[in-house]
Amino acid sequence: IIETYFADVPQEAYKTLTSLNAVS
């Protein structure tokens, strides 16, 4: 699991994060 918090995740960071293969 990768957690972010305290604010919005910008669109490019969201795309990069949710495309990670190792993360479920």
PDBML (XML) file of the C-alpha atoms, coordinates in Angstrom:
<?xml version="1.0" encoding="UTF-8" ?>
<PDBx:datablock datablockName="MODEL"
   xmlns:PDBx="http://pdbml.pdb.org/schema/pdbx-v50.xsd"
   xmlns:xsi="http://www.w3.org/2001/XMLSchema-instance"
   xsi:schemaLocation="http://pdbml.pdb.org/schema/pdbx-v50.xsd pdbx-v50.xsd">
   <PDBx:atom_siteCategory>
      <PDBx:atom_site id="1">
         <PDBx:B_iso_or_equiv>0.00</PDBx:B_iso_or_equiv>
         <PDBx:Cartn_x>0.000</PDBx:Cartn_x>
         <PDBx:Cartn_y>0.000</PDBx:Cartn_y>
         <PDBx:Cartn_z>0.000</PDBx:Cartn_z>
         <PDBx:auth_asym_id>A</PDBx:auth_asym_id>
         <PDBx:auth_atom_id>CA</PDBx:auth_atom_id>
         <PDBx:auth_comp_id>ILE</PDBx:auth_comp_id>
         <PDBx:auth_seq_id>1</PDBx:auth_seq_id>
         <PDBx:group_PDB>ATOM</PDBx:group_PDB>
         <PDBx:label_alt_id xsi:nil="true" />
         <PDBx:label_asym_id>A</PDBx:label_asym_id>
         <PDBx:label_atom_id>CA</PDBx:label_atom_id>
         <PDBx:label_comp_id>ILE</PDBx:label_comp_id>
         <PDBx:label_entity_id>1</PDBx:label_entity_id>
         <PDBx:label_seq_id>1</PDBx:label_seq_id>
         <PDBx:occupancy>1.00</PDBx:occupancy>
         <PDBx:pdbx_PDB_model_num>1</PDBx:pdbx_PDB_model_num>
         <PDBx:type_symbol>C</PDBx:type_symbol>
      </PDBx:atom_site>
      <PDBx:atom_site id="2">
         <PDBx:B_iso_or_equiv>0.00</PDBx:B_iso_or_equiv>
         <PDBx:Cartn_x>1.206</PDBx:Cartn_x>
         <PDBx:Cartn_y>3.524</PDBx:Cartn_y>
         <PDBx:Cartn_z>-0.724</PDBx:Cartn_z>
         <PDBx:auth_asym_id>A</PDBx:auth_asym_id>
         <PDBx:auth_atom_id>CA</PDBx:auth_atom_id>
         <PDBx:auth_comp_id>ILE</PDBx:auth_comp_id>
         <PDBx:auth_seq_id>2</PDBx:auth_seq_id>
         <PDBx:group_PDB>ATOM</PDBx:group_PDB>
         <PDBx:label_alt_id xsi:nil="true" />
         <PDBx:label_asym_id>A</PDBx:label_asym_id>
         <PDBx:label_atom_id>CA</PDBx:label_atom_id>
         <PDBx:label_comp_id>ILE</PDBx:label_comp_id>
         <PDBx:label_entity_id>1</PDBx:label_entity_id>
         <PDBx:label_seq_id>2</PDBx:label_seq_id>
         <PDBx:occupancy>1.00</PDBx:occupancy>
         <PDBx:pdbx_PDB_model_num>1</PDBx:pdbx_PDB_model_num>
         <PDBx:type_symbol>C</PDBx:type_symbol>
      </PDBx:atom_site>
      <PDBx:atom_site id="3">
         <PDBx:B_iso_or_equiv>0.00</PDBx:B_iso_or_equiv>
         <PDBx:Cartn_x>-0.501</PDBx:Cartn_x>
         <PDBx:Cartn_y>6.258</PDBx:Cartn_y>
         <PDBx:Cartn_z>1.284</PDBx:Cartn_z>
         <PDBx:auth_asym_id>A</PDBx:auth_asym_id>
         <PDBx:auth_atom_id>CA</PDBx:auth_atom_id>
         <PDBx:auth_comp_id>GLU</PDBx:auth_comp_id>
         <PDBx:auth_seq_id>3</PDBx:auth_seq_id>
         <PDBx:group_PDB>ATOM</PDBx:group_PDB>
         <PDBx:label_alt_id xsi:nil="true" />
         <PDBx:label_asym_id>A</PDBx:label_asym_id>
         <PDBx:label_atom_id>CA</PDBx:label_atom_id>
         <PDBx:label_comp_id>GLU</PDBx:label_comp_id>
         <PDBx:label_entity_id>1</PDBx:label_entity_id>
         <PDBx:label_seq_id>3</PDBx:label_seq_id>
         <PDBx:occupancy>1.00</PDBx:occupancy>
         <PDBx:pdbx_PDB_model_num>1</PDBx:pdbx_PDB_model_num>
         <PDBx:type_symbol>C</PDBx:type_symbol>
      </PDBx:atom_site>
      <PDBx:atom_site id="4">
         <PDBx:B_iso_or_equiv>0.00</PDBx:B_iso_or_equiv>
         <PDBx:Cartn_x>-0.645</PDBx:Cartn_x>
         <PDBx:Cartn_y>9.985</PDBx:Cartn_y>
         <PDBx:Cartn_z>0.581</PDBx:Cartn_z>
         <PDBx:auth_asym_id>A</PDBx:auth_asym_id>
         <PDBx:auth_atom_id>CA</PDBx:auth_atom_id>
         <PDBx:auth_comp_id>THR</PDBx:auth_comp_id>
         <PDBx:auth_seq_id>4</PDBx:auth_seq_id>
         <PDBx:group_PDB>ATOM</PDBx:group_PDB>
         <PDBx:label_alt_id xsi:nil="true" />
         <PDBx:label_asym_id>A</PDBx:label_asym_id>
         <PDBx:label_atom_id>CA</PDBx:label_atom_id>
         <PDBx:label_comp_id>THR</PDBx:label_comp_id>
         <PDBx:label_entity_id>1</PDBx:label_entity_id>
         <PDBx:label_seq_id>4</PDBx:label_seq_id>
         <PDBx:occupancy>1.00</PDBx:occupancy>
         <PDBx:pdbx_PDB_model_num>1</PDBx:pdbx_PDB_model_num>
         <PDBx:type_symbol>C</PDBx:type_symbol>
      </PDBx:atom_site>
      <PDBx:atom_site id="5">
         <PDBx:B_iso_or_equiv>0.00</PDBx:B_iso_or_equiv>
         <PDBx:Cartn_x>-2.328</PDBx:Cartn_x>
         <PDBx:Cartn_y>12.580</PDBx:Cartn_y>
         <PDBx:Cartn_z>2.774</PDBx:Cartn_z>
         <PDBx:auth_asym_id>A</PDBx:auth_asym_id>
         <PDBx:auth_atom_id>CA</PDBx:auth_atom_id>
         <PDBx:auth_comp_id>TYR</PDBx:auth_comp_id>
         <PDBx:auth_seq_id>5</PDBx:auth_seq_id>
         <PDBx:group_PDB>ATOM</PDBx:group_PDB>
         <PDBx:label_alt_id xsi:nil="true" />
         <PDBx:label_asym_id>A</PDBx:label_asym_id>
         <PDBx:label_atom_id>CA</PDBx:label_atom_id>
         <PDBx:label_comp_id>TYR</PDBx:label_comp_id>
         <PDBx:label_entity_id>1</PDBx:label_entity_id>
         <PDBx:label_seq_id>5</PDBx:label_seq_id>
         <PDBx:occupancy>1.00</PDBx:occupancy>
         <PDBx:pdbx_PDB_model_num>1</PDBx:pdbx_PDB_model_num>
         <PDBx:type_symbol>C</PDBx:type_symbol>
      </PDBx:atom_site>
      <PDBx:atom_site id="6">
         <PDBx:B_iso_or_equiv>0.00</PDBx:B_iso_or_equiv>
         <PDBx:Cartn_x>-2.869</PDBx:Cartn_x>
         <PDBx:Cartn_y>16.217</PDBx:Cartn_y>
         <PDBx:Cartn_z>3.803</PDBx:Cartn_z>
         <PDBx:auth_asym_id>A</PDBx:auth_asym_id>
         <PDBx:auth_atom_id>CA</PDBx:auth_atom_id>
         <PDBx:auth_comp_id>PHE</PDBx:auth_comp_id>
         <PDBx:auth_seq_id>6</PDBx:auth_seq_id>
         <PDBx:group_PDB>ATOM</PDBx:group_PDB>
         <PDBx:label_alt_id xsi:nil="true" />
         <PDBx:label_asym_id>A</PDBx:label_asym_id>
         <PDBx:label_atom_id>CA</PDBx:label_atom_id>
         <PDBx:label_comp_id>PHE</PDBx:label_comp_id>
         <PDBx:label_entity_id>1</PDBx:label_entity_id>
         <PDBx:label_seq_id>6</PDBx:label_seq_id>
         <PDBx:occupancy>1.00</PDBx:occupancy>
         <PDBx:pdbx_PDB_model_num>1</PDBx:pdbx_PDB_model_num>
         <PDBx:type_symbol>C</PDBx:type_symbol>
      </PDBx:atom_site>
      <PDBx:atom_site id="7">
         <PDBx:B_iso_or_equiv>0.00</PDBx:B_iso_or_equiv>
         <PDBx:Cartn_x>-3.811</PDBx:Cartn_x>
         <PDBx:Cartn_y>17.511</PDBx:Cartn_y>
         <PDBx:Cartn_z>0.341</PDBx:Cartn_z>
         <PDBx:auth_asym_id>A</PDBx:auth_asym_id>
         <PDBx:auth_atom_id>CA</PDBx:auth_atom_id>
         <PDBx:auth_comp_id>ALA</PDBx:auth_comp_id>
         <PDBx:auth_seq_id>7</PDBx:auth_seq_id>
         <PDBx:group_PDB>ATOM</PDBx:group_PDB>
         <PDBx:label_alt_id xsi:nil="true" />
         <PDBx:label_asym_id>A</PDBx:label_asym_id>
         <PDBx:label_atom_id>CA</PDBx:label_atom_id>
         <PDBx:label_comp_id>ALA</PDBx:label_comp_id>
         <PDBx:label_entity_id>1</PDBx:label_entity_id>
         <PDBx:label_seq_id>7</PDBx:label_seq_id>
         <PDBx:occupancy>1.00</PDBx:occupancy>
         <PDBx:pdbx_PDB_model_num>1</PDBx:pdbx_PDB_model_num>
         <PDBx:type_symbol>C</PDBx:type_symbol>
      </PDBx:atom_site>
      <PDBx:atom_site id="8">
         <PDBx:B_iso_or_equiv>0.00</PDBx:B_iso_or_equiv>
         <PDBx:Cartn_x>-4.837</PDBx:Cartn_x>
         <PDBx:Cartn_y>16.704</PDBx:Cartn_y>
         <PDBx:Cartn_z>-3.213</PDBx:Cartn_z>
         <PDBx:auth_asym_id>A</PDBx:auth_asym_id>
         <PDBx:auth_atom_id>CA</PDBx:auth_atom_id>
         <PDBx:auth_comp_id>ASP</PDBx:auth_comp_id>
         <PDBx:auth_seq_id>8</PDBx:auth_seq_id>
         <PDBx:group_PDB>ATOM</PDBx:group_PDB>
         <PDBx:label_alt_id xsi:nil="true" />
         <PDBx:label_asym_id>A</PDBx:label_asym_id>
         <PDBx:label_atom_id>CA</PDBx:label_atom_id>
         <PDBx:label_comp_id>ASP</PDBx:label_comp_id>
         <PDBx:label_entity_id>1</PDBx:label_entity_id>
         <PDBx:label_seq_id>8</PDBx:label_seq_id>
         <PDBx:occupancy>1.00</PDBx:occupancy>
         <PDBx:pdbx_PDB_model_num>1</PDBx:pdbx_PDB_model_num>
         <PDBx:type_symbol>C</PDBx:type_symbol>
      </PDBx:atom_site>
      <PDBx:atom_site id="9">
         <PDBx:B_iso_or_equiv>0.00</PDBx:B_iso_or_equiv>
         <PDBx:Cartn_x>-2.547</PDBx:Cartn_x>
         <PDBx:Cartn_y>14.577</PDBx:Cartn_y>
         <PDBx:Cartn_z>-5.352</PDBx:Cartn_z>
         <PDBx:auth_asym_id>A</PDBx:auth_asym_id>
         <PDBx:auth_atom_id>CA</PDBx:auth_atom_id>
         <PDBx:auth_comp_id>VAL</PDBx:auth_comp_id>
         <PDBx:auth_seq_id>9</PDBx:auth_seq_id>
         <PDBx:group_PDB>ATOM</PDBx:group_PDB>
         <PDBx:label_alt_id xsi:nil="true" />
         <PDBx:label_asym_id>A</PDBx:label_asym_id>
         <PDBx:label_atom_id>CA</PDBx:label_atom_id>
         <PDBx:label_comp_id>VAL</PDBx:label_comp_id>
         <PDBx:label_entity_id>1</PDBx:label_entity_id>
         <PDBx:label_seq_id>9</PDBx:label_seq_id>
         <PDBx:occupancy>1.00</PDBx:occupancy>
         <PDBx:pdbx_PDB_model_num>1</PDBx:pdbx_PDB_model_num>
         <PDBx:type_symbol>C</PDBx:type_symbol>
      </PDBx:atom_site>
      <PDBx:atom_site id="10">
         <PDBx:B_iso_or_equiv>0.00</PDBx:B_iso_or_equiv>
         <PDBx:Cartn_x>-1.787</PDBx:Cartn_x>
         <PDBx:Cartn_y>16.418</PDBx:Cartn_y>
         <PDBx:Cartn_z>-8.618</PDBx:Cartn_z>
         <PDBx:auth_asym_id>A</PDBx:auth_asym_id>
         <PDBx:auth_atom_id>CA</PDBx:auth_atom_id>
         <PDBx:auth_comp_id>PRO</PDBx:auth_comp_id>
         <PDBx:auth_seq_id>10</PDBx:auth_seq_id>
         <PDBx:group_PDB>ATOM</PDBx:group_PDB>
         <PDBx:label_alt_id xsi:nil="true" />
         <PDBx:label_asym_id>A</PDBx:label_asym_id>
         <PDBx:label_atom_id>CA</PDBx:label_atom_id>
         <PDBx:label_comp_id>PRO</PDBx:label_comp_id>
         <PDBx:label_entity_id>1</PDBx:label_entity_id>
         <PDBx:label_seq_id>10</PDBx:label_seq_id>
         <PDBx:occupancy>1.00</PDBx:occupancy>
         <PDBx:pdbx_PDB_model_num>1</PDBx:pdbx_PDB_model_num>
         <PDBx:type_symbol>C</PDBx:type_symbol>
      </PDBx:atom_site>
      <PDBx:atom_site id="11">
         <PDBx:B_iso_or_equiv>0.00</PDBx:B_iso_or_equiv>
         <PDBx:Cartn_x>-2.880</PDBx:Cartn_x>
         <PDBx:Cartn_y>14.654</PDBx:Cartn_y>
         <PDBx:Cartn_z>-11.791</PDBx:Cartn_z>
         <PDBx:auth_asym_id>A</PDBx:auth_asym_id>
         <PDBx:auth_atom_id>CA</PDBx:auth_atom_id>
         <PDBx:auth_comp_id>GLN</PDBx:auth_comp_id>
         <PDBx:auth_seq_id>11</PDBx:auth_seq_id>
         <PDBx:group_PDB>ATOM</PDBx:group_PDB>
         <PDBx:label_alt_id xsi:nil="true" />
         <PDBx:label_asym_id>A</PDBx:label_asym_id>
         <PDBx:label_atom_id>CA</PDBx:label_atom_id>
         <PDBx:label_comp_id>GLN</PDBx:label_comp_id>
         <PDBx:label_entity_id>1</PDBx:label_entity_id>
         <PDBx:label_seq_id>11</PDBx:label_seq_id>
         <PDBx:occupancy>1.00</PDBx:occupancy>
         <PDBx:pdbx_PDB_model_num>1</PDBx:pdbx_PDB_model_num>
         <PDBx:type_symbol>C</PDBx:type_symbol>
      </PDBx:atom_site>
      <PDBx:atom_site id="12">
         <PDBx:B_iso_or_equiv>0.00</PDBx:B_iso_or_equiv>
         <PDBx:Cartn_x>0.595</PDBx:Cartn_x>
         <PDBx:Cartn_y>13.663</PDBx:Cartn_y>
         <PDBx:Cartn_z>-13.022</PDBx:Cartn_z>
         <PDBx:auth_asym_id>A</PDBx:auth_asym_id>
         <PDBx:auth_atom_id>CA</PDBx:auth_atom_id>
         <PDBx:auth_comp_id>GLU</PDBx:auth_comp_id>
         <PDBx:auth_seq_id>12</PDBx:auth_seq_id>
         <PDBx:group_PDB>ATOM</PDBx:group_PDB>
         <PDBx:label_alt_id xsi:nil="true" />
         <PDBx:label_asym_id>A</PDBx:label_asym_id>
         <PDBx:label_atom_id>CA</PDBx:label_atom_id>
         <PDBx:label_comp_id>GLU</PDBx:label_comp_id>
         <PDBx:label_entity_id>1</PDBx:label_entity_id>
         <PDBx:label_seq_id>12</PDBx:label_seq_id>
         <PDBx:occupancy>1.00</PDBx:occupancy>
         <PDBx:pdbx_PDB_model_num>1</PDBx:pdbx_PDB_model_num>
         <PDBx:type_symbol>C</PDBx:type_symbol>
      </PDBx:atom_site>
      <PDBx:atom_site id="13">
         <PDBx:B_iso_or_equiv>0.00</PDBx:B_iso_or_equiv>
         <PDBx:Cartn_x>1.561</PDBx:Cartn_x>
         <PDBx:Cartn_y>12.286</PDBx:Cartn_y>
         <PDBx:Cartn_z>-9.604</PDBx:Cartn_z>
         <PDBx:auth_asym_id>A</PDBx:auth_asym_id>
         <PDBx:auth_atom_id>CA</PDBx:auth_atom_id>
         <PDBx:auth_comp_id>ALA</PDBx:auth_comp_id>
         <PDBx:auth_seq_id>13</PDBx:auth_seq_id>
         <PDBx:group_PDB>ATOM</PDBx:group_PDB>
         <PDBx:label_alt_id xsi:nil="true" />
         <PDBx:label_asym_id>A</PDBx:label_asym_id>
         <PDBx:label_atom_id>CA</PDBx:label_atom_id>
         <PDBx:label_comp_id>ALA</PDBx:label_comp_id>
         <PDBx:label_entity_id>1</PDBx:label_entity_id>
         <PDBx:label_seq_id>13</PDBx:label_seq_id>
         <PDBx:occupancy>1.00</PDBx:occupancy>
         <PDBx:pdbx_PDB_model_num>1</PDBx:pdbx_PDB_model_num>
         <PDBx:type_symbol>C</PDBx:type_symbol>
      </PDBx:atom_site>
      <PDBx:atom_site id="14">
         <PDBx:B_iso_or_equiv>0.00</PDBx:B_iso_or_equiv>
         <PDBx:Cartn_x>-1.740</PDBx:Cartn_x>
         <PDBx:Cartn_y>10.361</PDBx:Cartn_y>
         <PDBx:Cartn_z>-9.497</PDBx:Cartn_z>
         <PDBx:auth_asym_id>A</PDBx:auth_asym_id>
         <PDBx:auth_atom_id>CA</PDBx:auth_atom_id>
         <PDBx:auth_comp_id>TYR</PDBx:auth_comp_id>
         <PDBx:auth_seq_id>14</PDBx:auth_seq_id>
         <PDBx:group_PDB>ATOM</PDBx:group_PDB>
         <PDBx:label_alt_id xsi:nil="true" />
         <PDBx:label_asym_id>A</PDBx:label_asym_id>
         <PDBx:label_atom_id>CA</PDBx:label_atom_id>
         <PDBx:label_comp_id>TYR</PDBx:label_comp_id>
         <PDBx:label_entity_id>1</PDBx:label_entity_id>
         <PDBx:label_seq_id>14</PDBx:label_seq_id>
         <PDBx:occupancy>1.00</PDBx:occupancy>
         <PDBx:pdbx_PDB_model_num>1</PDBx:pdbx_PDB_model_num>
         <PDBx:type_symbol>C</PDBx:type_symbol>
      </PDBx:atom_site>
      <PDBx:atom_site id="15">
         <PDBx:B_iso_or_equiv>0.00</PDBx:B_iso_or_equiv>
         <PDBx:Cartn_x>-0.987</PDBx:Cartn_x>
         <PDBx:Cartn_y>8.798</PDBx:Cartn_y>
         <PDBx:Cartn_z>-12.884</PDBx:Cartn_z>
         <PDBx:auth_asym_id>A</PDBx:auth_asym_id>
         <PDBx:auth_atom_id>CA</PDBx:auth_atom_id>
         <PDBx:auth_comp_id>LYS</PDBx:auth_comp_id>
         <PDBx:auth_seq_id>15</PDBx:auth_seq_id>
         <PDBx:group_PDB>ATOM</PDBx:group_PDB>
         <PDBx:label_alt_id xsi:nil="true" />
         <PDBx:label_asym_id>A</PDBx:label_asym_id>
         <PDBx:label_atom_id>CA</PDBx:label_atom_id>
         <PDBx:label_comp_id>LYS</PDBx:label_comp_id>
         <PDBx:label_entity_id>1</PDBx:label_entity_id>
         <PDBx:label_seq_id>15</PDBx:label_seq_id>
         <PDBx:occupancy>1.00</PDBx:occupancy>
         <PDBx:pdbx_PDB_model_num>1</PDBx:pdbx_PDB_model_num>
         <PDBx:type_symbol>C</PDBx:type_symbol>
      </PDBx:atom_site>
      <PDBx:atom_site id="16">
         <PDBx:B_iso_or_equiv>0.00</PDBx:B_iso_or_equiv>
         <PDBx:Cartn_x>2.545</PDBx:Cartn_x>
         <PDBx:Cartn_y>7.880</PDBx:Cartn_y>
         <PDBx:Cartn_z>-11.860</PDBx:Cartn_z>
         <PDBx:auth_asym_id>A</PDBx:auth_asym_id>
         <PDBx:auth_atom_id>CA</PDBx:auth_atom_id>
         <PDBx:auth_comp_id>THR</PDBx:auth_comp_id>
         <PDBx:auth_seq_id>16</PDBx:auth_seq_id>
         <PDBx:group_PDB>ATOM</PDBx:group_PDB>
         <PDBx:label_alt_id xsi:nil="true" />
         <PDBx:label_asym_id>A</PDBx:label_asym_id>
         <PDBx:label_atom_id>CA</PDBx:label_atom_id>
         <PDBx:label_comp_id>THR</PDBx:label_comp_id>
         <PDBx:label_entity_id>1</PDBx:label_entity_id>
         <PDBx:label_seq_id>16</PDBx:label_seq_id>
         <PDBx:occupancy>1.00</PDBx:occupancy>
         <PDBx:pdbx_PDB_model_num>1</PDBx:pdbx_PDB_model_num>
         <PDBx:type_symbol>C</PDBx:type_symbol>
      </PDBx:atom_site>
      <PDBx:atom_site id="17">
         <PDBx:B_iso_or_equiv>0.00</PDBx:B_iso_or_equiv>
         <PDBx:Cartn_x>1.439</PDBx:Cartn_x>
         <PDBx:Cartn_y>6.420</PDBx:Cartn_y>
         <PDBx:Cartn_z>-8.532</PDBx:Cartn_z>
         <PDBx:auth_asym_id>A</PDBx:auth_asym_id>
         <PDBx:auth_atom_id>CA</PDBx:auth_atom_id>
         <PDBx:auth_comp_id>LEU</PDBx:auth_comp_id>
         <PDBx:auth_seq_id>17</PDBx:auth_seq_id>
         <PDBx:group_PDB>ATOM</PDBx:group_PDB>
         <PDBx:label_alt_id xsi:nil="true" />
         <PDBx:label_asym_id>A</PDBx:label_asym_id>
         <PDBx:label_atom_id>CA</PDBx:label_atom_id>
         <PDBx:label_comp_id>LEU</PDBx:label_comp_id>
         <PDBx:label_entity_id>1</PDBx:label_entity_id>
         <PDBx:label_seq_id>17</PDBx:label_seq_id>
         <PDBx:occupancy>1.00</PDBx:occupancy>
         <PDBx:pdbx_PDB_model_num>1</PDBx:pdbx_PDB_model_num>
         <PDBx:type_symbol>C</PDBx:type_symbol>
      </PDBx:atom_site>
      <PDBx:atom_site id="18">
         <PDBx:B_iso_or_equiv>0.00</PDBx:B_iso_or_equiv>
         <PDBx:Cartn_x>-1.471</PDBx:Cartn_x>
         <PDBx:Cartn_y>4.354</PDBx:Cartn_y>
         <PDBx:Cartn_z>-9.807</PDBx:Cartn_z>
         <PDBx:auth_asym_id>A</PDBx:auth_asym_id>
         <PDBx:auth_atom_id>CA</PDBx:auth_atom_id>
         <PDBx:auth_comp_id>THR</PDBx:auth_comp_id>
         <PDBx:auth_seq_id>18</PDBx:auth_seq_id>
         <PDBx:group_PDB>ATOM</PDBx:group_PDB>
         <PDBx:label_alt_id xsi:nil="true" />
         <PDBx:label_asym_id>A</PDBx:label_asym_id>
         <PDBx:label_atom_id>CA</PDBx:label_atom_id>
         <PDBx:label_comp_id>THR</PDBx:label_comp_id>
         <PDBx:label_entity_id>1</PDBx:label_entity_id>
         <PDBx:label_seq_id>18</PDBx:label_seq_id>
         <PDBx:occupancy>1.00</PDBx:occupancy>
         <PDBx:pdbx_PDB_model_num>1</PDBx:pdbx_PDB_model_num>
         <PDBx:type_symbol>C</PDBx:type_symbol>
      </PDBx:atom_site>
      <PDBx:atom_site id="19">
         <PDBx:B_iso_or_equiv>0.00</PDBx:B_iso_or_equiv>
         <PDBx:Cartn_x>0.622</PDBx:Cartn_x>
         <PDBx:Cartn_y>2.875</PDBx:Cartn_y>
         <PDBx:Cartn_z>-12.622</PDBx:Cartn_z>
         <PDBx:auth_asym_id>A</PDBx:auth_asym_id>
         <PDBx:auth_atom_id>CA</PDBx:auth_atom_id>
         <PDBx:auth_comp_id>SER</PDBx:auth_comp_id>
         <PDBx:auth_seq_id>19</PDBx:auth_seq_id>
         <PDBx:group_PDB>ATOM</PDBx:group_PDB>
         <PDBx:label_alt_id xsi:nil="true" />
         <PDBx:label_asym_id>A</PDBx:label_asym_id>
         <PDBx:label_atom_id>CA</PDBx:label_atom_id>
         <PDBx:label_comp_id>SER</PDBx:label_comp_id>
         <PDBx:label_entity_id>1</PDBx:label_entity_id>
         <PDBx:label_seq_id>19</PDBx:label_seq_id>
         <PDBx:occupancy>1.00</PDBx:occupancy>
         <PDBx:pdbx_PDB_model_num>1</PDBx:pdbx_PDB_model_num>
         <PDBx:type_symbol>C</PDBx:type_symbol>
      </PDBx:atom_site>
      <PDBx:atom_site id="20">
         <PDBx:B_iso_or_equiv>0.00</PDBx:B_iso_or_equiv>
         <PDBx:Cartn_x>3.097</PDBx:Cartn_x>
         <PDBx:Cartn_y>1.151</PDBx:Cartn_y>
         <PDBx:Cartn_z>-10.257</PDBx:Cartn_z>
         <PDBx:auth_asym_id>A</PDBx:auth_asym_id>
         <PDBx:auth_atom_id>CA</PDBx:auth_atom_id>
         <PDBx:auth_comp_id>LEU</PDBx:auth_comp_id>
         <PDBx:auth_seq_id>20</PDBx:auth_seq_id>
         <PDBx:group_PDB>ATOM</PDBx:group_PDB>
         <PDBx:label_alt_id xsi:nil="true" />
         <PDBx:label_asym_id>A</PDBx:label_asym_id>
         <PDBx:label_atom_id>CA</PDBx:label_atom_id>
         <PDBx:label_comp_id>LEU</PDBx:label_comp_id>
         <PDBx:label_entity_id>1</PDBx:label_entity_id>
         <PDBx:label_seq_id>20</PDBx:label_seq_id>
         <PDBx:occupancy>1.00</PDBx:occupancy>
         <PDBx:pdbx_PDB_model_num>1</PDBx:pdbx_PDB_model_num>
         <PDBx:type_symbol>C</PDBx:type_symbol>
      </PDBx:atom_site>
      <PDBx:atom_site id="21">
         <PDBx:B_iso_or_equiv>0.00</PDBx:B_iso_or_equiv>
         <PDBx:Cartn_x>3.133</PDBx:Cartn_x>
         <PDBx:Cartn_y>-2.615</PDBx:Cartn_y>
         <PDBx:Cartn_z>-10.785</PDBx:Cartn_z>
         <PDBx:auth_asym_id>A</PDBx:auth_asym_id>
         <PDBx:auth_atom_id>CA</PDBx:auth_atom_id>
         <PDBx:auth_comp_id>ASN</PDBx:auth_comp_id>
         <PDBx:auth_seq_id>21</PDBx:auth_seq_id>
         <PDBx:group_PDB>ATOM</PDBx:group_PDB>
         <PDBx:label_alt_id xsi:nil="true" />
         <PDBx:label_asym_id>A</PDBx:label_asym_id>
         <PDBx:label_atom_id>CA</PDBx:label_atom_id>
         <PDBx:label_comp_id>ASN</PDBx:label_comp_id>
         <PDBx:label_entity_id>1</PDBx:label_entity_id>
         <PDBx:label_seq_id>21</PDBx:label_seq_id>
         <PDBx:occupancy>1.00</PDBx:occupancy>
         <PDBx:pdbx_PDB_model_num>1</PDBx:pdbx_PDB_model_num>
         <PDBx:type_symbol>C</PDBx:type_symbol>
      </PDBx:atom_site>
      <PDBx:atom_site id="22">
         <PDBx:B_iso_or_equiv>0.00</PDBx:B_iso_or_equiv>
         <PDBx:Cartn_x>4.453</PDBx:Cartn_x>
         <PDBx:Cartn_y>-3.550</PDBx:Cartn_y>
         <PDBx:Cartn_z>-7.345</PDBx:Cartn_z>
         <PDBx:auth_asym_id>A</PDBx:auth_asym_id>
         <PDBx:auth_atom_id>CA</PDBx:auth_atom_id>
         <PDBx:auth_comp_id>ALA</PDBx:auth_comp_id>
         <PDBx:auth_seq_id>22</PDBx:auth_seq_id>
         <PDBx:group_PDB>ATOM</PDBx:group_PDB>
         <PDBx:label_alt_id xsi:nil="true" />
         <PDBx:label_asym_id>A</PDBx:label_asym_id>
         <PDBx:label_atom_id>CA</PDBx:label_atom_id>
         <PDBx:label_comp_id>ALA</PDBx:label_comp_id>
         <PDBx:label_entity_id>1</PDBx:label_entity_id>
         <PDBx:label_seq_id>22</PDBx:label_seq_id>
         <PDBx:occupancy>1.00</PDBx:occupancy>
         <PDBx:pdbx_PDB_model_num>1</PDBx:pdbx_PDB_model_num>
         <PDBx:type_symbol>C</PDBx:type_symbol>
      </PDBx:atom_site>
      <PDBx:atom_site id="23">
         <PDBx:B_iso_or_equiv>0.00</PDBx:B_iso_or_equiv>
         <PDBx:Cartn_x>1.659</PDBx:Cartn_x>
         <PDBx:Cartn_y>-1.721</PDBx:Cartn_y>
         <PDBx:Cartn_z>-5.496</PDBx:Cartn_z>
         <PDBx:auth_asym_id>A</PDBx:auth_asym_id>
         <PDBx:auth_atom_id>CA</PDBx:auth_atom_id>
         <PDBx:auth_comp_id>VAL</PDBx:auth_comp_id>
         <PDBx:auth_seq_id>23</PDBx:auth_seq_id>
         <PDBx:group_PDB>ATOM</PDBx:group_PDB>
         <PDBx:label_alt_id xsi:nil="true" />
         <PDBx:label_asym_id>A</PDBx:label_asym_id>
         <PDBx:label_atom_id>CA</PDBx:label_atom_id>
         <PDBx:label_comp_id>VAL</PDBx:label_comp_id>
         <PDBx:label_entity_id>1</PDBx:label_entity_id>
         <PDBx:label_seq_id>23</PDBx:label_seq_id>
         <PDBx:occupancy>1.00</PDBx:occupancy>
         <PDBx:pdbx_PDB_model_num>1</PDBx:pdbx_PDB_model_num>
         <PDBx:type_symbol>C</PDBx:type_symbol>
      </PDBx:atom_site>
      <PDBx:atom_site id="24">
         <PDBx:B_iso_or_equiv>0.00</PDBx:B_iso_or_equiv>
         <PDBx:Cartn_x>-1.737</PDBx:Cartn_x>
         <PDBx:Cartn_y>-3.301</PDBx:Cartn_y>
         <PDBx:Cartn_z>-4.879</PDBx:Cartn_z>
         <PDBx:auth_asym_id>A</PDBx:auth_asym_id>
         <PDBx:auth_atom_id>CA</PDBx:auth_atom_id>
         <PDBx:auth_comp_id>SER</PDBx:auth_comp_id>
         <PDBx:auth_seq_id>24</PDBx:auth_seq_id>
         <PDBx:group_PDB>ATOM</PDBx:group_PDB>
         <PDBx:label_alt_id xsi:nil="true" />
         <PDBx:label_asym_id>A</PDBx:label_asym_id>
         <PDBx:label_atom_id>CA</PDBx:label_atom_id>
         <PDBx:label_comp_id>SER</PDBx:label_comp_id>
         <PDBx:label_entity_id>1</PDBx:label_entity_id>
         <PDBx:label_seq_id>24</PDBx:label_seq_id>
         <PDBx:occupancy>1.00</PDBx:occupancy>
         <PDBx:pdbx_PDB_model_num>1</PDBx:pdbx_PDB_model_num>
         <PDBx:type_symbol>C</PDBx:type_symbol>
      </PDBx:atom_site>
   </PDBx:atom_siteCategory>
</PDBx:datablock>
